[in-house]
Structure formats: structure tokens, C-alpha cells
């Protein structure tokens, strides 16, 4: 399955705050994860986490994930498979400090899902 990566304007603004070397390292790490996604999806999903349980209508599941880039950085993204075209679409929404990951995750969820309910399940994001 092919992988198509898109980024939002907000992600682009976030990444511009880093030095060229930091940007290179962030992108290199993301690409390693995305390569893993094409090889072994289960292993990739063990490297990412969903910070809240989002229940969508008709038993659909949320495709928002927080990907640990390093102890202090997380990328908030969505992963959507399109079996008709044989592609996996990854959309990059934010790159944030680990302390801000939950807040950024919630903001992305609210912007994507107009009608959702959240189960009470807080996840603490550690910087380890």
C-alpha cells in the first residue's frame, strides 16, 4: 500500500519554529515511523497512542494519533486507509512539546469531528 503524506498549515507553522537540524531530525524520525507503517502496521501502532477515546457515530473509530518523536516532542496526525486506491493517507496536524500534546490532540479532534463523545479516559504524556 502506498503512503501519501500531507501537512496542514498549522503543522508547517509549528515546524518552522525549529532549527534546520531539528527539522531534519523530526522529519527523519517521522519517515522511519512511516516506513514502519508500510512494513508492519501493528508495530507502528505500538509506537503511537490515542490520547483520548473518541466514539464516533456508527462505531467508526478515530484515526488521530500522537507520535513520539523524542522525549520532548509529539506529532499529532491522522492515519486513514483508502482500500479503493490502495493508499494510506497521513495528515500531519501539529508538532508540539509533550506537555502540550493532550491539548493539541483535543483541538485537532474538535476540529475534525463535529459530533463526537469522549469517554472519561485521561492519558498522561510523559517526557521519558
C-alpha atoms as a PDB file:
ATOM      1  CA  UNK A   1       0.000   0.000   0.000  1.00  0.00           C
ATOM      2  CA  UNK A   2       1.342   3.442  -0.943  1.00  0.00           C
ATOM      3  CA  UNK A   3       1.664   6.170   1.682  1.00  0.00           C
ATOM      4  CA  UNK A   4       0.644   9.745   0.939  1.00  0.00           C
ATOM      5  CA  UNK A   5       1.707  12.398   3.462  1.00  0.00           C
ATOM      6  CA  UNK A   6       0.011  15.771   3.731  1.00  0.00           C
ATOM      7  CA  UNK A   7       0.651  18.556   6.217  1.00  0.00           C
ATOM      8  CA  UNK A   8      -1.592  21.316   7.465  1.00  0.00           C
ATOM      9  CA  UNK A   9      -0.700  24.975   7.632  1.00  0.00           C
ATOM     10  CA  UNK A  10      -0.570  24.712  11.432  1.00  0.00           C
ATOM     11  CA  UNK A  11       1.943  21.860  11.231  1.00  0.00           C
ATOM     12  CA  UNK A  12       4.075  23.896   8.834  1.00  0.00           C
ATOM     13  CA  UNK A  13       3.989  26.845  11.257  1.00  0.00           C
ATOM     14  CA  UNK A  14       4.942  24.572  14.160  1.00  0.00           C
ATOM     15  CA  UNK A  15       7.884  23.015  12.342  1.00  0.00           C
ATOM     16  CA  UNK A  16       9.220  26.402  11.248  1.00  0.00           C
ATOM     17  CA  UNK A  17       9.965  27.203  14.890  1.00  0.00           C
ATOM     18  CA  UNK A  18      12.779  24.645  14.890  1.00  0.00           C
ATOM     19  CA  UNK A  19      16.326  24.996  13.599  1.00  0.00           C
ATOM     20  CA  UNK A  20      17.201  23.311  10.312  1.00  0.00           C
ATOM     21  CA  UNK A  21      18.963  20.491  12.169  1.00  0.00           C
ATOM     22  CA  UNK A  22      15.963  19.945  14.465  1.00  0.00           C
ATOM     23  CA  UNK A  23      13.592  19.936  11.450  1.00  0.00           C
ATOM     24  CA  UNK A  24      15.811  17.381   9.733  1.00  0.00           C
ATOM     25  CA  UNK A  25      15.767  15.161  12.836  1.00  0.00           C
ATOM     26  CA  UNK A  26      11.984  15.441  13.247  1.00  0.00           C
ATOM     27  CA  UNK A  27      11.333  14.583   9.599  1.00  0.00           C
ATOM     28  CA  UNK A  28      13.878  11.757   9.660  1.00  0.00           C
ATOM     29  CA  UNK A  29      12.202  10.239  12.723  1.00  0.00           C
ATOM     30  CA  UNK A  30       8.716  10.594  11.210  1.00  0.00           C
ATOM     31  CA  UNK A  31       9.895   8.929   8.000  1.00  0.00           C
ATOM     32  CA  UNK A  32      11.246   5.978   9.992  1.00  0.00           C
ATOM     33  CA  UNK A  33       7.848   5.566  11.630  1.00  0.00           C
ATOM     34  CA  UNK A  34       6.041   5.888   8.291  1.00  0.00           C
ATOM     35  CA  UNK A  35       8.327   3.282   6.749  1.00  0.00           C
ATOM     36  CA  UNK A  36       7.436   1.030   9.668  1.00  0.00           C
ATOM     37  CA  UNK A  37       3.752   1.681   8.924  1.00  0.00           C
ATOM     38  CA  UNK A  38       4.206   0.298   5.411  1.00  0.00           C
ATOM     39  CA  UNK A  39       6.078  -2.769   6.711  1.00  0.00           C
ATOM     40  CA  UNK A  40       4.251  -3.656   9.938  1.00  0.00           C
ATOM     41  CA  UNK A  41       1.190  -1.624  10.934  1.00  0.00           C
ATOM     42  CA  UNK A  42       0.875  -3.315  14.319  1.00  0.00           C
ATOM     43  CA  UNK A  43       4.406  -2.318  15.272  1.00  0.00           C
ATOM     44  CA  UNK A  44       3.736   1.237  14.149  1.00  0.00           C
ATOM     45  CA  UNK A  45       0.565   1.472  16.240  1.00  0.00           C
ATOM     46  CA  UNK A  46       2.522   0.305  19.287  1.00  0.00           C
ATOM     47  CA  UNK A  47       4.774   3.358  18.777  1.00  0.00           C
ATOM     48  CA  UNK A  48       1.865   5.781  18.734  1.00  0.00           C
ATOM     49  CA  UNK A  49      -1.049   6.395  21.035  1.00  0.00           C
ATOM     50  CA  UNK A  50      -4.542   7.760  21.061  1.00  0.00           C
ATOM     51  CA  UNK A  51      -4.699  10.218  23.929  1.00  0.00           C
ATOM     52  CA  UNK A  52      -8.468  10.072  24.410  1.00  0.00           C
ATOM     53  CA  UNK A  53     -11.198   7.623  23.451  1.00  0.00           C
ATOM     54  CA  UNK A  54     -13.357   9.209  20.798  1.00  0.00           C
ATOM     55  CA  UNK A  55     -16.598   7.443  19.974  1.00  0.00           C
ATOM     56  CA  UNK A  56     -17.913   8.340  16.549  1.00  0.00           C
ATOM     57  CA  UNK A  57     -21.323   7.550  15.076  1.00  0.00           C
ATOM     58  CA  UNK A  58     -21.896   4.089  13.609  1.00  0.00           C
ATOM     59  CA  UNK A  59     -18.998   2.546  15.552  1.00  0.00           C
ATOM     60  CA  UNK A  60     -16.314   4.269  13.481  1.00  0.00           C
ATOM     61  CA  UNK A  61     -13.017   4.767  15.242  1.00  0.00           C
ATOM     62  CA  UNK A  62     -10.933   7.886  15.437  1.00  0.00           C
ATOM     63  CA  UNK A  63      -7.812   7.977  13.294  1.00  0.00           C
ATOM     64  CA  UNK A  64      -5.991  10.618  15.379  1.00  0.00           C
ATOM     65  CA  UNK A  65      -2.690   9.610  16.935  1.00  0.00           C
ATOM     66  CA  UNK A  66       0.126  11.139  18.934  1.00  0.00           C
ATOM     67  CA  UNK A  67       3.507  10.010  17.673  1.00  0.00           C
ATOM     68  CA  UNK A  68       6.513  10.267  19.987  1.00  0.00           C
ATOM     69  CA  UNK A  69       9.366  11.888  18.068  1.00  0.00           C
ATOM     70  CA  UNK A  70      11.686  12.259  21.062  1.00  0.00           C
ATOM     71  CA  UNK A  71      11.113  12.574  24.815  1.00  0.00           C
ATOM     72  CA  UNK A  72      10.013  16.195  24.481  1.00  0.00           C
ATOM     73  CA  UNK A  73       8.160  16.236  21.124  1.00  0.00           C
ATOM     74  CA  UNK A  74       4.948  14.731  19.775  1.00  0.00           C
ATOM     75  CA  UNK A  75       3.377  14.894  16.327  1.00  0.00           C
ATOM     76  CA  UNK A  76      -0.415  14.892  16.174  1.00  0.00           C
ATOM     77  CA  UNK A  77      -1.578  13.179  12.995  1.00  0.00           C
ATOM     78  CA  UNK A  78      -4.314  11.139  11.388  1.00  0.00           C
ATOM     79  CA  UNK A  79      -3.886   7.862   9.532  1.00  0.00           C
ATOM     80  CA  UNK A  80      -6.583   6.840   7.082  1.00  0.00           C
ATOM     81  CA  UNK A  81      -6.513   3.794   4.818  1.00  0.00           C
ATOM     82  CA  UNK A  82      -8.132   4.061   1.401  1.00  0.00           C
ATOM     83  CA  UNK A  83      -8.536   0.482   0.160  1.00  0.00           C
ATOM     84  CA  UNK A  84     -10.088   1.595  -3.133  1.00  0.00           C
ATOM     85  CA  UNK A  85      -6.946   3.472  -4.200  1.00  0.00           C
ATOM     86  CA  UNK A  86      -4.568   1.283  -2.208  1.00  0.00           C
ATOM     87  CA  UNK A  87      -3.125   4.182  -0.208  1.00  0.00           C
ATOM     88  CA  UNK A  88      -2.661   5.210   3.381  1.00  0.00           C
ATOM     89  CA  UNK A  89      -3.155   8.932   3.896  1.00  0.00           C
ATOM     90  CA  UNK A  90      -1.205  10.528   6.747  1.00  0.00           C
ATOM     91  CA  UNK A  91      -2.142  14.085   7.642  1.00  0.00           C
ATOM     92  CA  UNK A  92       0.227  15.989   9.929  1.00  0.00           C
ATOM     93  CA  UNK A  93      -1.611  18.472  12.146  1.00  0.00           C
ATOM     94  CA  UNK A  94       0.785  19.618  14.878  1.00  0.00           C
ATOM     95  CA  UNK A  95       4.273  19.158  16.275  1.00  0.00           C
ATOM     96  CA  UNK A  96       4.247  20.143  19.955  1.00  0.00           C
ATOM     97  CA  UNK A  97       6.021  19.723  23.258  1.00  0.00           C
ATOM     98  CA  UNK A  98       4.982  16.583  25.114  1.00  0.00           C
ATOM     99  CA  UNK A  99       3.370  18.750  27.813  1.00  0.00           C
ATOM    100  CA  UNK A 100       1.061  20.309  25.197  1.00  0.00           C
ATOM    101  CA  UNK A 101       0.243  17.086  23.321  1.00  0.00           C
ATOM    102  CA  UNK A 102      -3.069  16.394  25.037  1.00  0.00           C
ATOM    103  CA  UNK A 103      -4.347  19.930  24.445  1.00  0.00           C
ATOM    104  CA  UNK A 104      -3.269  19.882  20.771  1.00  0.00           C
ATOM    105  CA  UNK A 105      -4.778  16.411  20.326  1.00  0.00           C
ATOM    106  CA  UNK A 106      -8.124  17.608  21.703  1.00  0.00           C
ATOM    107  CA  UNK A 107      -8.086  20.694  19.467  1.00  0.00           C
ATOM    108  CA  UNK A 108      -7.484  18.562  16.368  1.00  0.00           C
ATOM    109  CA  UNK A 109     -10.251  16.161  17.425  1.00  0.00           C
ATOM    110  CA  UNK A 110     -12.699  19.024  17.922  1.00  0.00           C
ATOM    111  CA  UNK A 111     -11.869  20.476  14.514  1.00  0.00           C
ATOM    112  CA  UNK A 112     -12.248  17.120  12.730  1.00  0.00           C
ATOM    113  CA  UNK A 113     -15.234  15.633  14.489  1.00  0.00           C
ATOM    114  CA  UNK A 114     -18.230  17.885  14.891  1.00  0.00           C
ATOM    115  CA  UNK A 115     -20.337  15.184  16.553  1.00  0.00           C
ATOM    116  CA  UNK A 116     -18.324  13.065  18.961  1.00  0.00           C
ATOM    117  CA  UNK A 117     -18.359  11.998  22.579  1.00  0.00           C
ATOM    118  CA  UNK A 118     -15.320  11.388  24.705  1.00  0.00           C
ATOM    119  CA  UNK A 119     -15.097   8.639  27.266  1.00  0.00           C
ATOM    120  CA  UNK A 120     -13.508   9.665  30.538  1.00  0.00           C
ATOM    121  CA  UNK A 121     -10.031   8.328  29.989  1.00  0.00           C
ATOM    122  CA  UNK A 122      -7.198  10.742  30.630  1.00  0.00           C
ATOM    123  CA  UNK A 123      -3.760   9.747  29.390  1.00  0.00           C
ATOM    124  CA  UNK A 124      -0.710  11.397  30.842  1.00  0.00           C
ATOM    125  CA  UNK A 125       2.004  12.134  28.315  1.00  0.00           C
ATOM    126  CA  UNK A 126       5.425  11.611  29.801  1.00  0.00           C
ATOM    127  CA  UNK A 127       8.667  13.079  28.566  1.00  0.00           C
ATOM    128  CA  UNK A 128      10.610   9.841  29.091  1.00  0.00           C
END
